[in-house]
Amino acid sequence: MKQALPYEEEAPEEQFVALSKEQVAELRKRQVMISPWRVIGWQLIVTVVMGLLAWLLTGRVAVVVSTLYGAMAVVIPAALFARGLTSQVSSVNPGAAVFGFFLWEMVKIALTVAMLFAATKLVTSLSWPAMLIGLVVTMKVYWVALFVRPRGQINVTSTENGV
């Protein structure tokens, strides 16, 4: 006989309520989705701003190119990832979507790592701090996009079946 753990005894039983078609439609209207292409657009804007700031602060072309290369090591793989996720193959069924997500995420990571390894060969007078700053700041655009997006109010109540 299996003995129950203390936290298993205290957990309240969750109840799931099926939503009607109208409730699902209303929820989708209020739930704001953010496009991956919009995030990539913001990443490109941040890339340009960082390039300008690098030029204004240092006046050195090597620092500007290193900063831009670091940013593009995020933007290019992210664009490939978004393209893969928005293809028709990924929308065939949920299983294909999950597999596609993991596949394209692995491609994105591999391409980012490959671009970082190639940086020493492709960028003359590479400034590692500038490249890493470009990389990290551009990656943080994902988080900014989550906090800046308009938030939908989720308040679903059901009067059907006494719930």
N, C-alpha and C. Protein backbone atom coordinates (compact mmCIF):
# COMPACT_ATOMS: atom_id res chain seq x y z
N MET A 1 0.84 -1.18 0.00
CA MET A 1 0.00 0.00 0.00
C MET A 1 0.89 1.24 0.00
N LYS A 2 0.58 2.14 -0.89
CA LYS A 2 1.35 3.38 -1.03
C LYS A 2 0.85 4.40 -0.02
N GLN A 3 1.79 5.00 0.70
CA GLN A 3 1.42 6.00 1.69
C GLN A 3 1.39 7.38 1.02
N ALA A 4 0.37 8.14 1.30
CA ALA A 4 0.22 9.46 0.70
C ALA A 4 1.21 10.43 1.32
N LEU A 5 1.77 11.27 0.50
CA LEU A 5 2.67 12.30 0.97
C LEU A 5 1.86 13.46 1.53
N PRO A 6 2.43 14.23 2.47
CA PRO A 6 1.66 15.32 3.09
C PRO A 6 1.08 16.32 2.09
N TYR A 7 1.82 16.67 1.06
CA TYR A 7 1.30 17.66 0.11
C TYR A 7 0.20 17.09 -0.77
N GLU A 8 0.15 15.77 -0.92
CA GLU A 8 -0.91 15.15 -1.72
C GLU A 8 -2.25 15.21 -1.01
N GLU A 9 -2.24 15.18 0.30
CA GLU A 9 -3.48 15.21 1.06
C GLU A 9 -4.10 16.61 1.06
N GLU A 10 -3.27 17.65 1.01
CA GLU A 10 -3.76 19.01 1.12
C GLU A 10 -4.22 19.60 -0.21
N ALA A 11 -3.82 19.00 -1.31
CA ALA A 11 -4.13 19.59 -2.62
C ALA A 11 -5.63 19.49 -2.91
N PRO A 12 -6.27 20.63 -3.18
CA PRO A 12 -7.69 20.58 -3.52
C PRO A 12 -7.87 19.99 -4.93
N GLU A 13 -8.97 19.33 -5.11
CA GLU A 13 -9.25 18.73 -6.41
C GLU A 13 -9.69 19.82 -7.38
N GLU A 14 -9.05 19.86 -8.55
CA GLU A 14 -9.37 20.88 -9.54
C GLU A 14 -10.58 20.44 -10.36
N GLN A 15 -11.41 21.42 -10.68
CA GLN A 15 -12.56 21.14 -11.52
C GLN A 15 -12.36 21.86 -12.85
N PHE A 16 -12.56 21.15 -13.94
CA PHE A 16 -12.43 21.72 -15.27
C PHE A 16 -13.80 21.92 -15.86
N VAL A 17 -13.98 23.09 -16.46
CA VAL A 17 -15.26 23.43 -17.06
C VAL A 17 -15.05 23.59 -18.56
N ALA A 18 -15.86 22.88 -19.33
CA ALA A 18 -15.78 23.02 -20.78
C ALA A 18 -16.44 24.33 -21.19
N LEU A 19 -15.77 25.06 -22.06
CA LEU A 19 -16.32 26.33 -22.53
C LEU A 19 -17.18 26.11 -23.77
N SER A 20 -18.17 26.96 -23.90
CA SER A 20 -19.00 26.91 -25.10
C SER A 20 -18.23 27.58 -26.25
N LYS A 21 -18.73 27.43 -27.49
CA LYS A 21 -18.09 28.06 -28.64
C LYS A 21 -18.08 29.58 -28.49
N GLU A 22 -19.14 30.13 -27.96
CA GLU A 22 -19.22 31.58 -27.79
C GLU A 22 -18.19 32.06 -26.76
N GLN A 23 -18.03 31.30 -25.68
CA GLN A 23 -17.06 31.67 -24.66
C GLN A 23 -15.62 31.60 -25.20
N VAL A 24 -15.35 30.59 -26.01
CA VAL A 24 -14.02 30.46 -26.61
C VAL A 24 -13.77 31.62 -27.56
N ALA A 25 -14.77 31.97 -28.37
CA ALA A 25 -14.62 33.10 -29.30
C ALA A 25 -14.37 34.40 -28.53
N GLU A 26 -15.10 34.61 -27.45
CA GLU A 26 -14.92 35.82 -26.63
C GLU A 26 -13.55 35.84 -25.97
N LEU A 27 -13.10 34.71 -25.50
CA LEU A 27 -11.78 34.61 -24.89
C LEU A 27 -10.68 34.92 -25.90
N ARG A 28 -10.82 34.42 -27.11
CA ARG A 28 -9.83 34.70 -28.15
C ARG A 28 -9.81 36.17 -28.54
N LYS A 29 -10.97 36.81 -28.49
CA LYS A 29 -11.02 38.25 -28.81
C LYS A 29 -10.28 39.05 -27.75
N ARG A 30 -10.43 38.66 -26.50
CA ARG A 30 -9.81 39.41 -25.41
C ARG A 30 -8.35 39.04 -25.17
N GLN A 31 -7.96 37.84 -25.58
CA GLN A 31 -6.57 37.40 -25.40
C GLN A 31 -5.72 37.95 -26.53
N VAL A 32 -4.79 38.82 -26.21
CA VAL A 32 -3.96 39.46 -27.21
C VAL A 32 -2.77 38.54 -27.51
N MET A 33 -2.62 38.20 -28.78
CA MET A 33 -1.50 37.37 -29.21
C MET A 33 -0.43 38.29 -29.80
N ILE A 34 0.81 37.98 -29.53
CA ILE A 34 1.89 38.77 -30.08
C ILE A 34 2.56 37.98 -31.19
N SER A 35 2.75 38.62 -32.31
CA SER A 35 3.33 37.98 -33.47
C SER A 35 4.84 37.85 -33.30
N PRO A 36 5.41 36.70 -33.67
CA PRO A 36 6.87 36.59 -33.61
C PRO A 36 7.55 37.58 -34.55
N TRP A 37 6.86 37.95 -35.63
CA TRP A 37 7.44 38.90 -36.57
C TRP A 37 7.51 40.30 -35.97
N ARG A 38 6.57 40.62 -35.10
CA ARG A 38 6.61 41.91 -34.42
C ARG A 38 7.82 41.96 -33.47
N VAL A 39 8.07 40.87 -32.77
CA VAL A 39 9.23 40.80 -31.88
C VAL A 39 10.52 40.95 -32.70
N ILE A 40 10.59 40.27 -33.83
CA ILE A 40 11.78 40.37 -34.69
C ILE A 40 11.94 41.80 -35.22
N GLY A 41 10.84 42.45 -35.54
CA GLY A 41 10.90 43.85 -35.96
C GLY A 41 11.49 44.74 -34.86
N TRP A 42 11.05 44.51 -33.62
CA TRP A 42 11.59 45.28 -32.50
C TRP A 42 13.06 44.94 -32.28
N GLN A 43 13.42 43.69 -32.49
CA GLN A 43 14.83 43.33 -32.37
C GLN A 43 15.67 44.07 -33.40
N LEU A 44 15.17 44.20 -34.61
CA LEU A 44 15.90 44.95 -35.64
C LEU A 44 16.03 46.42 -35.27
N ILE A 45 14.97 46.99 -34.73
CA ILE A 45 15.03 48.39 -34.29
C ILE A 45 16.07 48.56 -33.19
N VAL A 46 16.07 47.65 -32.22
CA VAL A 46 17.05 47.70 -31.14
C VAL A 46 18.46 47.52 -31.69
N THR A 47 18.62 46.67 -32.69
CA THR A 47 19.93 46.46 -33.32
C THR A 47 20.46 47.76 -33.91
N VAL A 48 19.61 48.47 -34.64
CA VAL A 48 20.03 49.74 -35.25
C VAL A 48 20.38 50.75 -34.17
N VAL A 49 19.56 50.84 -33.13
CA VAL A 49 19.82 51.79 -32.04
C VAL A 49 21.14 51.46 -31.35
N MET A 50 21.40 50.17 -31.11
CA MET A 50 22.66 49.79 -30.47
C MET A 50 23.85 50.12 -31.36
N GLY A 51 23.71 49.92 -32.66
CA GLY A 51 24.79 50.28 -33.58
C GLY A 51 25.08 51.77 -33.53
N LEU A 52 24.03 52.57 -33.51
CA LEU A 52 24.22 54.03 -33.42
C LEU A 52 24.85 54.43 -32.08
N LEU A 53 24.40 53.81 -31.00
CA LEU A 53 24.98 54.11 -29.69
C LEU A 53 26.45 53.70 -29.63
N ALA A 54 26.76 52.54 -30.20
CA ALA A 54 28.16 52.09 -30.22
C ALA A 54 29.02 53.08 -30.99
N TRP A 55 28.49 53.61 -32.08
CA TRP A 55 29.24 54.59 -32.87
C TRP A 55 29.41 55.90 -32.09
N LEU A 56 28.34 56.36 -31.45
CA LEU A 56 28.41 57.62 -30.69
C LEU A 56 29.33 57.51 -29.48
N LEU A 57 29.32 56.35 -28.81
CA LEU A 57 30.10 56.19 -27.60
C LEU A 57 31.58 55.92 -27.87
N THR A 58 31.88 55.19 -28.95
CA THR A 58 33.28 54.79 -29.19
C THR A 58 33.87 55.40 -30.44
N GLY A 59 33.07 55.58 -31.46
CA GLY A 59 33.59 56.07 -32.73
C GLY A 59 34.44 55.05 -33.47
N ARG A 60 34.43 53.81 -33.01
CA ARG A 60 35.24 52.75 -33.62
C ARG A 60 34.34 51.82 -34.43
N VAL A 61 34.73 51.61 -35.68
CA VAL A 61 33.95 50.75 -36.58
C VAL A 61 33.94 49.32 -36.06
N ALA A 62 35.05 48.85 -35.51
CA ALA A 62 35.13 47.46 -35.02
C ALA A 62 34.12 47.21 -33.91
N VAL A 63 33.91 48.19 -33.05
CA VAL A 63 32.93 48.05 -31.96
C VAL A 63 31.52 48.03 -32.53
N VAL A 64 31.25 48.89 -33.50
CA VAL A 64 29.93 48.94 -34.12
C VAL A 64 29.62 47.62 -34.81
N VAL A 65 30.57 47.11 -35.61
CA VAL A 65 30.36 45.86 -36.33
C VAL A 65 30.20 44.70 -35.36
N SER A 66 30.98 44.69 -34.28
CA SER A 66 30.86 43.62 -33.28
C SER A 66 29.50 43.64 -32.60
N THR A 67 29.03 44.84 -32.28
CA THR A 67 27.71 44.98 -31.65
C THR A 67 26.61 44.50 -32.60
N LEU A 68 26.70 44.93 -33.85
CA LEU A 68 25.69 44.52 -34.84
C LEU A 68 25.74 43.01 -35.09
N TYR A 69 26.94 42.45 -35.14
CA TYR A 69 27.06 41.01 -35.36
C TYR A 69 26.44 40.23 -34.19
N GLY A 70 26.70 40.68 -32.97
CA GLY A 70 26.10 40.02 -31.81
C GLY A 70 24.58 40.07 -31.86
N ALA A 71 24.04 41.21 -32.27
CA ALA A 71 22.58 41.34 -32.38
C ALA A 71 22.04 40.44 -33.48
N MET A 72 22.75 40.39 -34.60
CA MET A 72 22.27 39.56 -35.71
C MET A 72 22.39 38.08 -35.41
N ALA A 73 23.26 37.71 -34.46
CA ALA A 73 23.34 36.32 -34.02
C ALA A 73 22.08 35.91 -33.25
N VAL A 74 21.26 36.87 -32.91
CA VAL A 74 19.95 36.60 -32.30
C VAL A 74 18.84 36.75 -33.34
N VAL A 75 18.89 37.81 -34.13
CA VAL A 75 17.80 38.14 -35.05
C VAL A 75 17.68 37.11 -36.17
N ILE A 76 18.78 36.73 -36.80
CA ILE A 76 18.70 35.80 -37.93
C ILE A 76 18.15 34.43 -37.49
N PRO A 77 18.68 33.82 -36.42
CA PRO A 77 18.08 32.55 -35.98
C PRO A 77 16.62 32.70 -35.54
N ALA A 78 16.28 33.83 -34.92
CA ALA A 78 14.89 34.05 -34.50
C ALA A 78 13.96 34.16 -35.71
N ALA A 79 14.43 34.80 -36.77
CA ALA A 79 13.61 34.91 -37.99
C ALA A 79 13.42 33.54 -38.62
N LEU A 80 14.46 32.73 -38.63
CA LEU A 80 14.34 31.37 -39.16
C LEU A 80 13.37 30.55 -38.31
N PHE A 81 13.46 30.70 -37.00
CA PHE A 81 12.56 30.02 -36.06
C PHE A 81 11.10 30.44 -36.32
N ALA A 82 10.88 31.75 -36.46
CA ALA A 82 9.52 32.25 -36.70
C ALA A 82 8.99 31.74 -38.03
N ARG A 83 9.83 31.72 -39.03
CA ARG A 83 9.41 31.22 -40.35
C ARG A 83 9.02 29.75 -40.25
N GLY A 84 9.81 28.97 -39.54
CA GLY A 84 9.50 27.56 -39.37
C GLY A 84 8.20 27.33 -38.61
N LEU A 85 7.97 28.13 -37.58
CA LEU A 85 6.76 27.96 -36.77
C LEU A 85 5.50 28.43 -37.48
N THR A 86 5.63 29.40 -38.36
CA THR A 86 4.46 29.92 -39.04
C THR A 86 4.19 29.22 -40.37
N SER A 87 4.97 28.19 -40.68
CA SER A 87 4.73 27.46 -41.93
C SER A 87 3.48 26.60 -41.80
N GLN A 88 2.95 26.16 -42.93
CA GLN A 88 1.72 25.37 -42.92
C GLN A 88 1.92 23.99 -42.32
N VAL A 89 3.13 23.46 -42.39
CA VAL A 89 3.41 22.13 -41.83
C VAL A 89 3.18 22.14 -40.32
N SER A 90 3.55 23.25 -39.67
CA SER A 90 3.42 23.33 -38.22
C SER A 90 1.97 23.46 -37.77
N SER A 91 1.08 23.84 -38.67
CA SER A 91 -0.32 24.01 -38.27
C SER A 91 -1.20 22.83 -38.68
N VAL A 92 -0.60 21.74 -39.14
CA VAL A 92 -1.38 20.58 -39.58
C VAL A 92 -2.12 19.94 -38.41
N ASN A 93 -1.39 19.64 -37.34
CA ASN A 93 -2.00 19.07 -36.15
C ASN A 93 -1.15 19.42 -34.94
N PRO A 94 -1.68 19.22 -33.74
CA PRO A 94 -0.92 19.60 -32.54
C PRO A 94 0.41 18.86 -32.41
N GLY A 95 0.46 17.61 -32.79
CA GLY A 95 1.71 16.86 -32.71
C GLY A 95 2.79 17.44 -33.61
N ALA A 96 2.41 17.81 -34.82
CA ALA A 96 3.36 18.42 -35.75
C ALA A 96 3.80 19.78 -35.23
N ALA A 97 2.90 20.51 -34.59
CA ALA A 97 3.25 21.82 -34.04
C ALA A 97 4.28 21.69 -32.91
N VAL A 98 4.07 20.73 -32.03
CA VAL A 98 5.01 20.52 -30.92
C VAL A 98 6.37 20.06 -31.46
N PHE A 99 6.36 19.12 -32.39
CA PHE A 99 7.61 18.65 -32.98
C PHE A 99 8.31 19.79 -33.72
N GLY A 100 7.54 20.59 -34.46
CA GLY A 100 8.11 21.72 -35.19
C GLY A 100 8.72 22.74 -34.25
N PHE A 101 8.04 22.99 -33.13
CA PHE A 101 8.58 23.94 -32.16
C PHE A 101 9.95 23.49 -31.67
N PHE A 102 10.06 22.23 -31.24
CA PHE A 102 11.34 21.74 -30.73
C PHE A 102 12.40 21.68 -31.83
N LEU A 103 12.01 21.28 -33.01
CA LEU A 103 12.96 21.20 -34.12
C LEU A 103 13.52 22.59 -34.44
N TRP A 104 12.63 23.58 -34.60
CA TRP A 104 13.09 24.91 -34.96
C TRP A 104 13.82 25.60 -33.81
N GLU A 105 13.49 25.26 -32.59
CA GLU A 105 14.24 25.80 -31.45
C GLU A 105 15.67 25.26 -31.46
N MET A 106 15.83 23.99 -31.78
CA MET A 106 17.18 23.41 -31.88
C MET A 106 17.95 24.04 -33.03
N VAL A 107 17.29 24.27 -34.15
CA VAL A 107 17.94 24.93 -35.30
C VAL A 107 18.37 26.34 -34.89
N LYS A 108 17.51 27.04 -34.17
CA LYS A 108 17.82 28.41 -33.74
C LYS A 108 19.04 28.42 -32.82
N ILE A 109 19.08 27.52 -31.87
CA ILE A 109 20.21 27.47 -30.94
C ILE A 109 21.49 27.10 -31.68
N ALA A 110 21.42 26.09 -32.56
CA ALA A 110 22.60 25.66 -33.31
C ALA A 110 23.14 26.79 -34.19
N LEU A 111 22.25 27.51 -34.86
CA LEU A 111 22.68 28.61 -35.72
C LEU A 111 23.30 29.74 -34.91
N THR A 112 22.73 30.04 -33.75
CA THR A 112 23.30 31.08 -32.88
C THR A 112 24.71 30.69 -32.44
N VAL A 113 24.88 29.46 -32.00
CA VAL A 113 26.20 29.00 -31.56
C VAL A 113 27.18 29.02 -32.74
N ALA A 114 26.74 28.57 -33.90
CA ALA A 114 27.61 28.58 -35.08
C ALA A 114 28.03 30.01 -35.45
N MET A 115 27.09 30.94 -35.36
CA MET A 115 27.43 32.34 -35.67
C MET A 115 28.43 32.90 -34.66
N LEU A 116 28.29 32.52 -33.39
CA LEU A 116 29.24 33.00 -32.39
C LEU A 116 30.63 32.42 -32.63
N PHE A 117 30.71 31.14 -32.99
CA PHE A 117 32.01 30.54 -33.29
C PHE A 117 32.62 31.16 -34.55
N ALA A 118 31.79 31.51 -35.52
CA ALA A 118 32.28 32.08 -36.77
C ALA A 118 32.68 33.54 -36.63
N ALA A 119 32.30 34.17 -35.54
CA ALA A 119 32.57 35.59 -35.36
C ALA A 119 34.05 35.93 -35.45
N THR A 120 34.90 35.08 -34.91
CA THR A 120 36.34 35.37 -34.93
C THR A 120 36.89 35.37 -36.35
N LYS A 121 36.28 34.60 -37.24
CA LYS A 121 36.73 34.55 -38.63
C LYS A 121 36.08 35.64 -39.49
N LEU A 122 34.84 36.00 -39.17
CA LEU A 122 34.08 36.91 -40.02
C LEU A 122 34.25 38.38 -39.66
N VAL A 123 34.51 38.68 -38.40
CA VAL A 123 34.58 40.07 -37.95
C VAL A 123 36.04 40.40 -37.62
N THR A 124 36.60 41.30 -38.40
CA THR A 124 37.98 41.71 -38.12
C THR A 124 38.00 42.63 -36.91
N SER A 125 39.00 42.47 -36.09
CA SER A 125 39.14 43.25 -34.84
C SER A 125 37.90 43.10 -33.97
N LEU A 126 37.46 41.87 -33.79
CA LEU A 126 36.25 41.59 -33.02
C LEU A 126 36.39 42.09 -31.58
N SER A 127 35.38 42.81 -31.13
CA SER A 127 35.30 43.23 -29.73
C SER A 127 34.29 42.32 -29.04
N TRP A 128 34.81 41.37 -28.26
CA TRP A 128 33.92 40.42 -27.59
C TRP A 128 32.92 41.10 -26.66
N PRO A 129 33.33 42.07 -25.84
CA PRO A 129 32.32 42.73 -24.99
C PRO A 129 31.21 43.39 -25.80
N ALA A 130 31.56 44.05 -26.89
CA ALA A 130 30.53 44.70 -27.72
C ALA A 130 29.61 43.66 -28.35
N MET A 131 30.19 42.56 -28.83
CA MET A 131 29.37 41.52 -29.44
C MET A 131 28.42 40.90 -28.41
N LEU A 132 28.93 40.65 -27.21
CA LEU A 132 28.08 40.05 -26.18
C LEU A 132 27.00 41.01 -25.71
N ILE A 133 27.32 42.30 -25.67
CA ILE A 133 26.30 43.29 -25.32
C ILE A 133 25.20 43.30 -26.38
N GLY A 134 25.59 43.29 -27.65
CA GLY A 134 24.60 43.23 -28.73
C GLY A 134 23.74 41.99 -28.64
N LEU A 135 24.36 40.86 -28.33
CA LEU A 135 23.64 39.60 -28.21
C LEU A 135 22.64 39.63 -27.06
N VAL A 136 23.10 40.03 -25.88
CA VAL A 136 22.25 39.99 -24.69
C VAL A 136 21.11 41.00 -24.78
N VAL A 137 21.42 42.21 -25.20
CA VAL A 137 20.36 43.24 -25.28
C VAL A 137 19.29 42.83 -26.28
N THR A 138 19.72 42.27 -27.40
CA THR A 138 18.75 41.85 -28.41
C THR A 138 17.90 40.68 -27.91
N MET A 139 18.50 39.78 -27.15
CA MET A 139 17.72 38.67 -26.57
C MET A 139 16.67 39.17 -25.59
N LYS A 140 16.97 40.24 -24.88
CA LYS A 140 16.04 40.77 -23.88
C LYS A 140 14.81 41.42 -24.50
N VAL A 141 14.83 41.65 -25.80
CA VAL A 141 13.66 42.23 -26.47
C VAL A 141 12.46 41.29 -26.32
N TYR A 142 12.69 39.97 -26.24
CA TYR A 142 11.59 39.02 -26.01
C TYR A 142 10.84 39.39 -24.74
N TRP A 143 11.57 39.65 -23.66
CA TRP A 143 10.94 39.97 -22.38
C TRP A 143 10.23 41.31 -22.43
N VAL A 144 10.84 42.27 -23.08
CA VAL A 144 10.21 43.58 -23.21
C VAL A 144 8.90 43.45 -23.98
N ALA A 145 8.90 42.64 -25.04
CA ALA A 145 7.69 42.44 -25.84
C ALA A 145 6.57 41.82 -25.00
N LEU A 146 6.91 40.95 -24.06
CA LEU A 146 5.88 40.35 -23.20
C LEU A 146 5.27 41.37 -22.25
N PHE A 147 6.09 42.29 -21.76
CA PHE A 147 5.59 43.26 -20.80
C PHE A 147 4.93 44.47 -21.46
N VAL A 148 5.29 44.79 -22.69
CA VAL A 148 4.76 45.97 -23.36
C VAL A 148 3.45 45.68 -24.09
N ARG A 149 3.22 44.44 -24.44
CA ARG A 149 2.03 44.10 -25.22
C ARG A 149 0.76 44.45 -24.44
N PRO A 150 -0.30 44.79 -25.16
CA PRO A 150 -1.58 45.03 -24.49
C PRO A 150 -2.07 43.74 -23.86
N ARG A 151 -2.57 43.85 -22.68
CA ARG A 151 -3.04 42.65 -21.98
C ARG A 151 -4.56 42.54 -22.10
N GLY A 152 -5.00 41.32 -22.41
CA GLY A 152 -6.43 41.07 -22.47
C GLY A 152 -6.95 40.70 -21.09
N GLN A 153 -8.17 41.06 -20.83
CA GLN A 153 -8.78 40.69 -19.57
C GLN A 153 -9.37 39.30 -19.69
N ILE A 154 -8.93 38.40 -18.88
CA ILE A 154 -9.46 37.04 -18.92
C ILE A 154 -10.38 36.87 -17.73
N ASN A 155 -11.65 36.85 -17.99
CA ASN A 155 -12.64 36.68 -16.94
C ASN A 155 -13.76 35.84 -17.54
N VAL A 156 -13.59 34.55 -17.55
CA VAL A 156 -14.56 33.67 -18.15
C VAL A 156 -15.45 33.11 -17.06
N THR A 157 -16.72 33.39 -17.17
CA THR A 157 -17.68 32.81 -16.22
C THR A 157 -18.72 32.06 -17.02
N SER A 158 -19.16 30.99 -16.47
CA SER A 158 -20.14 30.17 -17.17
C SER A 158 -21.41 30.10 -16.34
N THR A 159 -22.54 30.26 -17.01
CA THR A 159 -23.81 30.11 -16.31
C THR A 159 -24.47 28.81 -16.73
N GLU A 160 -23.80 28.08 -17.66
CA GLU A 160 -24.37 26.82 -18.10
C GLU A 160 -24.07 25.72 -17.08
N ASN A 161 -24.97 24.79 -16.95
CA ASN A 161 -24.82 23.62 -16.08
C ASN A 161 -24.58 24.02 -14.62
N GLY A 162 -25.05 25.17 -14.22
CA GLY A 162 -24.96 25.58 -12.83
C GLY A 162 -23.54 25.92 -12.38
N VAL A 163 -22.62 26.20 -13.31
CA VAL A 163 -21.25 26.50 -12.90
C VAL A 163 -21.02 27.99 -12.93
